[in-house]
């Protein structure tokens, strides 16, 4: 009986434990922090051995295989020891994908992957049995055990791709690449880029790669590396023979001479970046033979993702918008770009080595006041202090929203788009977004 040690007792860890037990592994789950009660109960009910608030090395270094949570960096001593003993380390998507022959659509990118994955799933489920997993919802491993869908849309992070060996999606989607999480990649952008491109490394000529042809980082990488899969670019600026492009408010998608044209005037998602997300999702759907009418209707009735440019309430003709999912500068770039009214911008959090320069034009043009919401806001004051008349700092969401209420006027937007991680003041970006919505509703 092979011994699988799982590091991390969260959604992916516990899902993997259940699948591994079913596949007759001897399973041990170890978490350095406290395992949440709901996950402990699952482990206890399934008689899976676990420990929390510690890592007992003697119980870990005798593994045949280790599955580690994507949150654990490679530089941790324990990981170095595991690698030194030549024990294979895999991510959940690698482990789970060995136990399915479903069609896998894997979506990665610095921004837009959640919206693109959710939208792709929304379109496919109209006609195909499709699960949504990866970085989102129930774990992939657990779904294989419980539902075993014929198709899966997987939102995949660079951290999950770092620990794949044979993971091979039928369709890989890369939305864009901008500097993010560089603290995990020795502050080398090229390491992060290589990590994202692992999504195609096992693909063959039978597989497909859908990507943003307007993204200079992606274009440059493709010029210097050859990949096996069939390329299907999407573009806002150039016509493409195979793939998708946008022109005269229409998306044209061509695959193997089979062309479909879709009007975009009734798409519910706003902003240029969402046209790209729609092109990527529609290309996947067209590849999987979803009817054109179904794709069009799905784009028109898709409700978007919580914490991603989510319109919360209008109070005294001021629109409050929750974009808590904007955890990097590029995501906030898209948010500010789509603002069509004077904006009070709530920004800040745990800075991952941000360069705010690309936001300057939008801040000059659209932002009337900045509210800094972080433990350390010095970098924000340095970057934007001279650009706006009002720049204020606070460490409480309720106070940030009250200040925004005071400085905004009829016709303005109040935008929470932090450009930073949330861990300094909040549990995660969801917690930050929910606190914002709660504060707005209590004004």
Protein backbone atom coordinates (compact mmCIF):
# COMPACT_ATOMS: atom_id res chain seq x y z
CA UNK A 1 0.00 0.00 0.00
CA UNK A 2 1.48 3.34 -1.06
CA UNK A 3 1.73 6.08 1.56
CA UNK A 4 0.48 9.55 0.55
CA UNK A 5 1.26 12.46 2.85
CA UNK A 6 -0.84 15.58 2.32
CA UNK A 7 0.52 18.92 3.54
CA UNK A 8 -2.37 21.30 4.22
CA UNK A 9 -5.80 20.38 5.57
CA UNK A 10 -7.92 22.79 3.53
CA UNK A 11 -10.25 22.22 0.55
CA UNK A 12 -7.66 20.69 -1.82
CA UNK A 13 -5.93 18.68 0.92
CA UNK A 14 -9.07 17.07 2.31
CA UNK A 15 -10.48 16.45 -1.18
CA UNK A 16 -7.24 14.70 -2.16
CA UNK A 17 -7.33 12.66 1.08
CA UNK A 18 -10.81 11.34 0.23
CA UNK A 19 -9.87 10.42 -3.34
CA UNK A 20 -6.59 8.81 -2.22
CA UNK A 21 -8.36 6.72 0.41
CA UNK A 22 -10.78 5.47 -2.24
CA UNK A 23 -7.76 4.58 -4.43
CA UNK A 24 -6.33 2.53 -1.51
CA UNK A 25 -3.50 4.79 -0.45
CA UNK A 26 -2.44 4.93 3.17
CA UNK A 27 -3.18 8.62 3.84
CA UNK A 28 -1.78 11.06 6.40
CA UNK A 29 -2.75 14.76 6.50
CA UNK A 30 -0.45 17.25 8.25
CA UNK A 31 -1.12 20.98 8.68
CA UNK A 32 1.16 23.47 10.40
CA UNK A 33 -1.87 25.61 11.28
CA UNK A 34 -5.23 24.64 12.78
CA UNK A 35 -7.51 22.61 10.51
CA UNK A 36 -11.03 24.09 10.30
CA UNK A 37 -13.73 22.13 12.12
CA UNK A 38 -15.65 21.28 8.93
CA UNK A 39 -12.53 19.64 7.46
CA UNK A 40 -11.60 17.88 10.71
CA UNK A 41 -15.07 16.33 10.81
CA UNK A 42 -14.67 14.98 7.27
CA UNK A 43 -11.27 13.44 8.15
CA UNK A 44 -12.62 11.90 11.36
CA UNK A 45 -15.76 10.52 9.67
CA UNK A 46 -13.61 8.92 6.96
CA UNK A 47 -11.06 7.57 9.47
CA UNK A 48 -8.18 9.44 7.85
CA UNK A 49 -5.17 10.05 10.10
CA UNK A 50 -4.21 13.70 10.55
CA UNK A 51 -2.35 16.21 12.71
CA UNK A 52 -2.57 19.98 12.95
CA UNK A 53 -0.52 22.84 14.43
CA UNK A 54 2.61 20.79 13.76
CA UNK A 55 4.50 18.73 11.16
CA UNK A 56 5.92 15.46 12.54
CA UNK A 57 8.85 14.85 10.19
CA UNK A 58 9.12 11.12 10.92
CA UNK A 59 5.52 10.69 9.68
CA UNK A 60 6.14 12.80 6.59
CA UNK A 61 9.57 11.75 5.35
CA UNK A 62 8.44 8.10 5.00
CA UNK A 63 5.95 8.99 2.25
CA UNK A 64 5.93 7.47 -1.24
CA UNK A 65 4.26 10.62 -2.54
CA UNK A 66 3.54 14.08 -1.10
CA UNK A 67 0.68 16.37 -2.15
CA UNK A 68 1.30 19.90 -0.94
CA UNK A 69 -1.15 22.77 -0.67
CA UNK A 70 -0.40 25.51 -3.22
CA UNK A 71 0.02 27.96 -0.34
CA UNK A 72 3.25 26.33 0.90
CA UNK A 73 6.35 27.85 -0.76
CA UNK A 74 9.30 25.73 -1.91
CA UNK A 75 11.71 27.55 0.38
CA UNK A 76 10.17 26.04 3.54
CA UNK A 77 12.72 23.76 5.29
CA UNK A 78 10.36 20.77 5.35
CA UNK A 79 9.86 20.94 1.56
CA UNK A 80 13.63 21.09 1.04
CA UNK A 81 14.01 17.95 3.21
CA UNK A 82 11.30 16.10 1.26
CA UNK A 83 12.98 16.98 -2.04
CA UNK A 84 16.38 15.93 -0.65
CA UNK A 85 14.97 12.43 0.04
CA UNK A 86 13.72 12.26 -3.58
CA UNK A 87 10.08 11.89 -2.59
CA UNK A 88 7.86 13.12 -5.43
CA UNK A 89 5.81 16.24 -4.63
CA UNK A 90 2.65 16.86 -6.63
CA UNK A 91 -0.21 19.37 -6.57
CA UNK A 92 -3.86 18.39 -6.25
CA UNK A 93 -4.55 18.88 -9.97
CA UNK A 94 -1.67 16.52 -10.83
CA UNK A 95 -2.83 13.84 -8.38
CA UNK A 96 -6.53 14.05 -9.26
CA UNK A 97 -6.04 14.19 -13.05
CA UNK A 98 -4.49 10.69 -12.90
CA UNK A 99 -7.91 9.29 -11.98
CA UNK A 100 -10.11 10.71 -14.71
CA UNK A 101 -10.49 10.54 -18.48
CA UNK A 102 -12.78 13.58 -18.57
CA UNK A 103 -12.04 16.42 -21.01
CA UNK A 104 -10.03 19.00 -19.05
CA UNK A 105 -10.14 22.73 -19.80
CA UNK A 106 -7.43 24.42 -17.69
CA UNK A 107 -7.42 28.21 -17.35
CA UNK A 108 -4.58 30.28 -15.91
CA UNK A 109 -3.37 33.88 -16.06
CA UNK A 110 -2.46 36.72 -13.73
CA UNK A 111 -5.95 38.21 -14.06
CA UNK A 112 -9.30 37.19 -15.48
CA UNK A 113 -8.92 33.48 -14.79
CA UNK A 114 -11.81 33.28 -12.29
CA UNK A 115 -14.19 35.22 -14.54
CA UNK A 116 -13.10 33.24 -17.62
CA UNK A 117 -13.39 29.89 -15.80
CA UNK A 118 -16.80 30.74 -14.33
CA UNK A 119 -18.08 32.05 -17.68
CA UNK A 120 -16.71 29.01 -19.58
CA UNK A 121 -18.41 26.68 -17.08
CA UNK A 122 -21.65 28.71 -17.37
CA UNK A 123 -21.68 28.24 -21.18
CA UNK A 124 -20.64 24.56 -21.21
CA UNK A 125 -23.16 23.43 -18.57
CA UNK A 126 -26.01 24.49 -20.89
CA UNK A 127 -25.21 21.48 -23.10
CA UNK A 128 -22.51 19.33 -21.44
CA UNK A 129 -22.02 17.63 -18.07
CA UNK A 130 -19.31 19.94 -16.67
CA UNK A 131 -17.68 20.51 -13.26
CA UNK A 132 -15.87 23.66 -12.10
CA UNK A 133 -12.82 23.15 -9.85
CA UNK A 134 -9.19 24.02 -9.20
CA UNK A 135 -8.81 27.33 -7.40
CA UNK A 136 -12.55 27.70 -7.17
CA UNK A 137 -15.44 25.88 -5.46
CA UNK A 138 -15.21 22.24 -4.35
CA UNK A 139 -11.86 20.52 -4.85
CA UNK A 140 -11.17 18.71 -8.14
CA UNK A 141 -10.27 15.48 -6.31
CA UNK A 142 -13.51 15.51 -4.32
CA UNK A 143 -15.60 16.15 -7.42
CA UNK A 144 -14.01 13.19 -9.21
CA UNK A 145 -15.10 11.06 -6.30
CA UNK A 146 -18.63 12.39 -5.98
CA UNK A 147 -19.77 13.46 -9.46
CA UNK A 148 -17.23 12.30 -12.02
CA UNK A 149 -18.34 14.81 -14.66
CA UNK A 150 -17.46 14.18 -18.32
CA UNK A 151 -15.82 17.63 -18.57
CA UNK A 152 -14.05 19.91 -16.09
CA UNK A 153 -13.17 23.58 -16.21
CA UNK A 154 -10.19 24.08 -13.88
CA UNK A 155 -9.00 27.46 -12.68
CA UNK A 156 -5.30 26.83 -12.17
CA UNK A 157 -2.75 29.01 -10.37
CA UNK A 158 0.99 29.16 -11.05
CA UNK A 159 1.50 27.51 -7.63
CA UNK A 160 -0.57 24.51 -8.73
CA UNK A 161 1.35 24.33 -12.02
CA UNK A 162 4.68 24.37 -10.17
CA UNK A 163 3.98 20.83 -8.95
CA UNK A 164 2.68 19.06 -12.04
CA UNK A 165 4.43 16.19 -13.81
CA UNK A 166 2.02 14.74 -16.36
CA UNK A 167 -1.00 17.07 -16.05
CA UNK A 168 -2.28 17.56 -19.60
CA UNK A 169 -5.43 19.55 -20.35
CA UNK A 170 -7.18 19.00 -23.70
CA UNK A 171 -7.67 22.77 -23.83
CA UNK A 172 -5.32 25.22 -22.06
CA UNK A 173 -6.22 28.90 -21.72
CA UNK A 174 -3.78 31.68 -20.76
CA UNK A 175 -5.56 35.00 -20.16
CA UNK A 176 -2.50 37.24 -19.63
CA UNK A 177 0.78 37.50 -17.71
CA UNK A 178 1.71 40.48 -15.55
CA UNK A 179 4.09 40.56 -12.57
CA UNK A 180 2.39 38.90 -9.57
CA UNK A 181 3.45 36.68 -6.64
CA UNK A 182 7.06 37.52 -7.42
CA UNK A 183 7.92 36.91 -3.76
CA UNK A 184 7.41 33.20 -4.55
CA UNK A 185 9.65 33.29 -7.65
CA UNK A 186 12.86 34.84 -6.26
CA UNK A 187 11.59 38.18 -7.57
CA UNK A 188 12.36 36.99 -11.11
CA UNK A 189 9.54 37.67 -13.58
CA UNK A 190 10.93 35.04 -15.99
CA UNK A 191 10.44 32.32 -13.33
CA UNK A 192 6.79 33.29 -12.94
CA UNK A 193 6.30 33.34 -16.75
CA UNK A 194 7.84 29.85 -17.06
CA UNK A 195 5.52 28.63 -14.33
CA UNK A 196 2.41 29.87 -16.19
CA UNK A 197 3.55 28.20 -19.43
CA UNK A 198 3.78 24.82 -17.72
CA UNK A 199 0.08 24.58 -18.53
CA UNK A 200 1.06 23.54 -22.10
CA UNK A 201 4.23 21.52 -21.44
CA UNK A 202 2.57 18.09 -21.73
CA UNK A 203 0.18 18.97 -24.53
CA UNK A 204 0.44 17.26 -27.94
CA UNK A 205 -0.69 18.26 -31.43
CA UNK A 206 -4.15 16.84 -30.53
CA UNK A 207 -4.58 19.55 -27.86
CA UNK A 208 -5.38 23.27 -27.99
CA UNK A 209 -3.84 26.42 -26.54
CA UNK A 210 -6.03 29.55 -26.36
CA UNK A 211 -4.18 32.74 -25.41
CA UNK A 212 -4.21 36.55 -25.54
CA UNK A 213 -2.23 37.48 -28.67
CA UNK A 214 -2.18 41.15 -27.58
CA UNK A 215 -0.17 40.34 -24.44
CA UNK A 216 3.50 41.21 -25.14
CA UNK A 217 4.83 38.80 -22.50
CA UNK A 218 2.94 35.84 -24.03
CA UNK A 219 3.83 36.84 -27.62
CA UNK A 220 7.51 37.15 -26.72
CA UNK A 221 7.58 33.76 -24.99
CA UNK A 222 5.91 32.05 -27.97
CA UNK A 223 8.47 33.56 -30.37
CA UNK A 224 11.28 31.94 -28.40
CA UNK A 225 9.75 28.57 -27.49
CA UNK A 226 7.93 25.97 -29.55
CA UNK A 227 4.89 24.20 -28.21
CA UNK A 228 3.13 21.14 -29.60
CA UNK A 229 -0.50 22.16 -29.22
CA UNK A 230 -2.69 23.86 -31.82
CA UNK A 231 -2.60 27.64 -31.27
CA UNK A 232 -5.86 29.58 -31.03
CA UNK A 233 -5.07 33.23 -30.24
CA UNK A 234 -7.66 35.89 -29.38
CA UNK A 235 -7.17 39.60 -30.07
CA UNK A 236 -8.86 42.99 -29.70
CA UNK A 237 -6.61 44.64 -32.27
CA UNK A 238 -5.76 42.19 -35.07
CA UNK A 239 -7.71 39.79 -37.25
CA UNK A 240 -6.63 36.19 -36.72
CA UNK A 241 -7.13 33.31 -39.17
CA UNK A 242 -7.63 30.71 -36.44
CA UNK A 243 -8.94 31.77 -33.05
CA UNK A 244 -11.02 34.84 -32.11
CA UNK A 245 -10.92 38.56 -32.78
CA UNK A 246 -13.06 41.59 -32.00
CA UNK A 247 -14.19 44.10 -34.62
CA UNK A 248 -17.23 46.39 -34.96
CA UNK A 249 -18.66 45.17 -31.66
CA UNK A 250 -18.61 41.57 -32.89
CA UNK A 251 -16.53 38.59 -31.89
CA UNK A 252 -15.49 36.36 -34.82
CA UNK A 253 -14.30 32.86 -33.92
CA UNK A 254 -12.77 30.54 -36.53
CA UNK A 255 -11.66 26.97 -35.87
CA UNK A 256 -10.82 24.66 -38.81
CA UNK A 257 -12.70 26.92 -41.26
CA UNK A 258 -15.80 26.77 -39.08
CA UNK A 259 -16.65 30.42 -38.40
CA UNK A 260 -19.16 31.93 -35.98
CA UNK A 261 -19.88 35.63 -35.40
CA UNK A 262 -21.34 36.94 -32.15
CA UNK A 263 -22.66 40.43 -31.38
CA UNK A 264 -21.41 41.83 -28.06
CA UNK A 265 -23.74 44.76 -27.45
CA UNK A 266 -25.83 42.80 -24.93
CA UNK A 267 -22.97 41.14 -23.02
CA UNK A 268 -23.55 41.71 -19.30
CA UNK A 269 -19.83 42.02 -18.41
CA UNK A 270 -18.39 45.51 -18.85
CA UNK A 271 -14.92 46.60 -19.98
CA UNK A 272 -12.40 45.63 -22.68
CA UNK A 273 -10.80 42.97 -20.48
CA UNK A 274 -14.17 41.22 -20.28
CA UNK A 275 -14.45 41.14 -24.08
CA UNK A 276 -11.18 39.15 -23.90
CA UNK A 277 -12.60 36.85 -21.21
CA UNK A 278 -15.69 36.36 -23.40
CA UNK A 279 -13.52 35.55 -26.46
CA UNK A 280 -11.54 32.96 -24.49
CA UNK A 281 -14.66 31.29 -23.05
CA UNK A 282 -16.49 31.33 -26.39
CA UNK A 283 -13.50 29.78 -28.17
CA UNK A 284 -13.53 26.89 -25.67
CA UNK A 285 -17.29 26.48 -26.20
CA UNK A 286 -16.96 26.56 -29.99
CA UNK A 287 -14.19 23.93 -29.80
CA UNK A 288 -16.47 21.69 -27.74
CA UNK A 289 -19.27 22.08 -30.29
CA UNK A 290 -21.63 24.21 -28.17
CA UNK A 291 -24.32 25.80 -30.38
CA UNK A 292 -23.76 29.44 -31.35
CA UNK A 293 -27.13 30.51 -29.94
CA UNK A 294 -26.32 28.90 -26.58
CA UNK A 295 -22.99 30.75 -26.42
CA UNK A 296 -24.63 34.07 -27.24
CA UNK A 297 -27.44 33.64 -24.70
CA UNK A 298 -24.97 32.54 -22.01
CA UNK A 299 -22.83 35.66 -22.55
CA UNK A 300 -25.96 37.80 -22.23
CA UNK A 301 -27.25 36.26 -18.99
CA UNK A 302 -23.96 35.64 -17.14
CA UNK A 303 -24.00 37.42 -13.79
CA UNK A 304 -20.25 37.81 -13.18
CA UNK A 305 -18.16 36.82 -10.19
CA UNK A 306 -18.52 38.00 -6.59
CA UNK A 307 -15.82 40.57 -5.60
CA UNK A 308 -14.96 41.30 -9.25
CA UNK A 309 -16.34 44.74 -10.27
CA UNK A 310 -19.52 43.78 -8.42
CA UNK A 311 -22.10 46.57 -8.26
CA UNK A 312 -23.23 46.59 -4.62
CA UNK A 313 -25.67 49.50 -4.12
CA UNK A 314 -26.47 52.99 -5.32
CA UNK A 315 -26.85 55.45 -2.42
CA UNK A 316 -27.67 59.13 -3.10
CA UNK A 317 -26.78 58.50 -6.76
CA UNK A 318 -23.31 57.19 -5.82
CA UNK A 319 -22.49 53.68 -7.14
CA UNK A 320 -20.53 51.44 -4.73
CA UNK A 321 -18.42 48.80 -6.51
CA UNK A 322 -16.69 45.80 -4.88
CA UNK A 323 -13.53 44.72 -6.73
CA UNK A 324 -11.84 43.10 -3.72
CA UNK A 325 -10.54 40.33 -6.01
CA UNK A 326 -8.13 42.87 -7.52
CA UNK A 327 -5.10 41.67 -5.57
CA UNK A 328 -2.52 43.06 -8.03
CA UNK A 329 -1.91 46.27 -9.98
CA UNK A 330 -3.00 44.88 -13.32
CA UNK A 331 -6.43 43.87 -11.99
CA UNK A 332 -6.91 47.38 -10.60
CA UNK A 333 -5.79 48.78 -13.99
CA UNK A 334 -8.79 47.08 -15.62
CA UNK A 335 -11.10 48.34 -12.87
CA UNK A 336 -10.00 51.97 -13.15
CA UNK A 337 -10.04 51.75 -16.95
CA UNK A 338 -13.72 50.77 -16.85
CA UNK A 339 -14.79 53.65 -14.56
CA UNK A 340 -16.95 56.19 -16.41
CA UNK A 341 -17.49 58.66 -13.54
CA UNK A 342 -15.35 60.50 -10.94
CA UNK A 343 -14.12 57.80 -8.56
CA UNK A 344 -13.32 57.57 -4.87
CA UNK A 345 -10.78 54.74 -4.80
CA UNK A 346 -10.18 52.50 -1.77
CA UNK A 347 -6.76 50.86 -2.19
CA UNK A 348 -4.06 49.09 -0.18
CA UNK A 349 -3.17 45.96 1.73
CA UNK A 350 -0.18 43.66 1.63
CA UNK A 351 2.02 44.91 -1.19
CA UNK A 352 3.70 42.18 -3.27
CA UNK A 353 6.38 44.49 -4.70
CA UNK A 354 3.88 46.64 -6.65
CA UNK A 355 4.82 49.21 -9.27
CA UNK A 356 1.93 51.68 -9.47
CA UNK A 357 3.19 53.62 -12.53
CA UNK A 358 0.75 52.09 -15.01
CA UNK A 359 -2.16 53.42 -12.94
CA UNK A 360 -1.03 57.07 -13.08
CA UNK A 361 -2.98 58.06 -16.23
CA UNK A 362 -6.26 56.69 -14.82
CA UNK A 363 -5.70 58.22 -11.39
CA UNK A 364 -5.04 61.62 -12.97
CA UNK A 365 -8.08 61.35 -15.20
CA UNK A 366 -10.70 59.62 -13.04
CA UNK A 367 -9.82 59.48 -9.33
CA UNK A 368 -10.93 62.38 -7.11
CA UNK A 369 -9.98 60.91 -3.72
CA UNK A 370 -7.92 57.99 -2.44
CA UNK A 371 -8.56 56.07 0.78
CA UNK A 372 -5.62 53.90 1.82
CA UNK A 373 -6.67 50.77 3.69
CA UNK A 374 -3.59 48.89 4.85
CA UNK A 375 -1.18 48.47 7.72
CA UNK A 376 1.57 50.24 5.77
CA UNK A 377 0.38 52.89 3.31
CA UNK A 378 3.65 54.80 2.83
CA UNK A 379 4.17 53.51 -0.71
CA UNK A 380 0.68 54.64 -1.76
CA UNK A 381 1.27 58.14 -0.36
CA UNK A 382 4.57 58.26 -2.23
CA UNK A 383 2.99 57.16 -5.52
CA UNK A 384 -0.27 59.12 -5.47
CA UNK A 385 0.10 61.86 -2.83
CA UNK A 386 0.60 64.62 -5.43
CA UNK A 387 -2.09 63.42 -7.82
CA UNK A 388 -5.26 63.88 -5.79
CA UNK A 389 -6.53 66.57 -3.41
CA UNK A 390 -7.75 64.05 -0.86
CA UNK A 391 -5.69 61.07 0.33
CA UNK A 392 -6.60 59.56 3.69
CA UNK A 393 -5.54 56.43 5.52
CA UNK A 394 -7.48 54.08 7.78
CA UNK A 395 -7.23 50.49 9.00
CA UNK A 396 -10.94 49.72 9.24
CA UNK A 397 -13.26 48.91 6.35
CA UNK A 398 -16.26 50.49 8.11
CA UNK A 399 -14.32 53.76 8.47
CA UNK A 400 -13.05 53.63 4.86
CA UNK A 401 -16.63 53.35 3.59
CA UNK A 402 -17.83 56.20 5.86
CA UNK A 403 -15.04 58.47 4.57
CA UNK A 404 -15.94 57.50 0.98
CA UNK A 405 -19.57 58.39 1.69
CA UNK A 406 -18.50 61.84 2.97
CA UNK A 407 -16.19 62.74 0.07
CA UNK A 408 -18.39 61.43 -2.77
CA UNK A 409 -21.09 63.38 -4.61
CA UNK A 410 -24.06 62.41 -6.78
CA UNK A 411 -22.85 60.73 -9.99
CA UNK A 412 -19.57 59.44 -8.46
CA UNK A 413 -18.34 55.87 -8.05
CA UNK A 414 -16.84 54.46 -4.86
CA UNK A 415 -14.50 51.66 -5.92
CA UNK A 416 -12.82 49.11 -3.65
CA UNK A 417 -9.97 47.82 -5.85
CA UNK A 418 -7.02 47.23 -3.52
CA UNK A 419 -4.21 46.19 -5.96
CA UNK A 420 -2.76 44.29 -2.99
CA UNK A 421 -3.22 41.05 -1.05
CA UNK A 422 -5.60 41.22 1.89
CA UNK A 423 -3.69 39.34 4.57
CA UNK A 424 -2.58 42.36 6.58
CA UNK A 425 -6.08 43.31 7.81
CA UNK A 426 -8.40 40.58 6.50
CA UNK A 427 -8.61 36.79 6.31
CA UNK A 428 -8.69 36.82 2.48
CA UNK A 429 -10.07 38.91 -0.39
CA UNK A 430 -13.55 37.39 0.10
CA UNK A 431 -13.59 38.55 3.73
CA UNK A 432 -12.43 42.02 2.60
CA UNK A 433 -15.16 42.20 -0.07
CA UNK A 434 -17.91 41.03 2.29
CA UNK A 435 -16.87 43.57 4.93
CA UNK A 436 -17.06 46.28 2.25
CA UNK A 437 -20.58 45.19 1.21
CA UNK A 438 -21.68 44.98 4.84
CA UNK A 439 -20.34 48.50 5.55
CA UNK A 440 -22.05 49.92 2.42
CA UNK A 441 -25.38 48.35 3.38
CA UNK A 442 -25.07 49.86 6.86
CA UNK A 443 -24.43 53.43 5.72
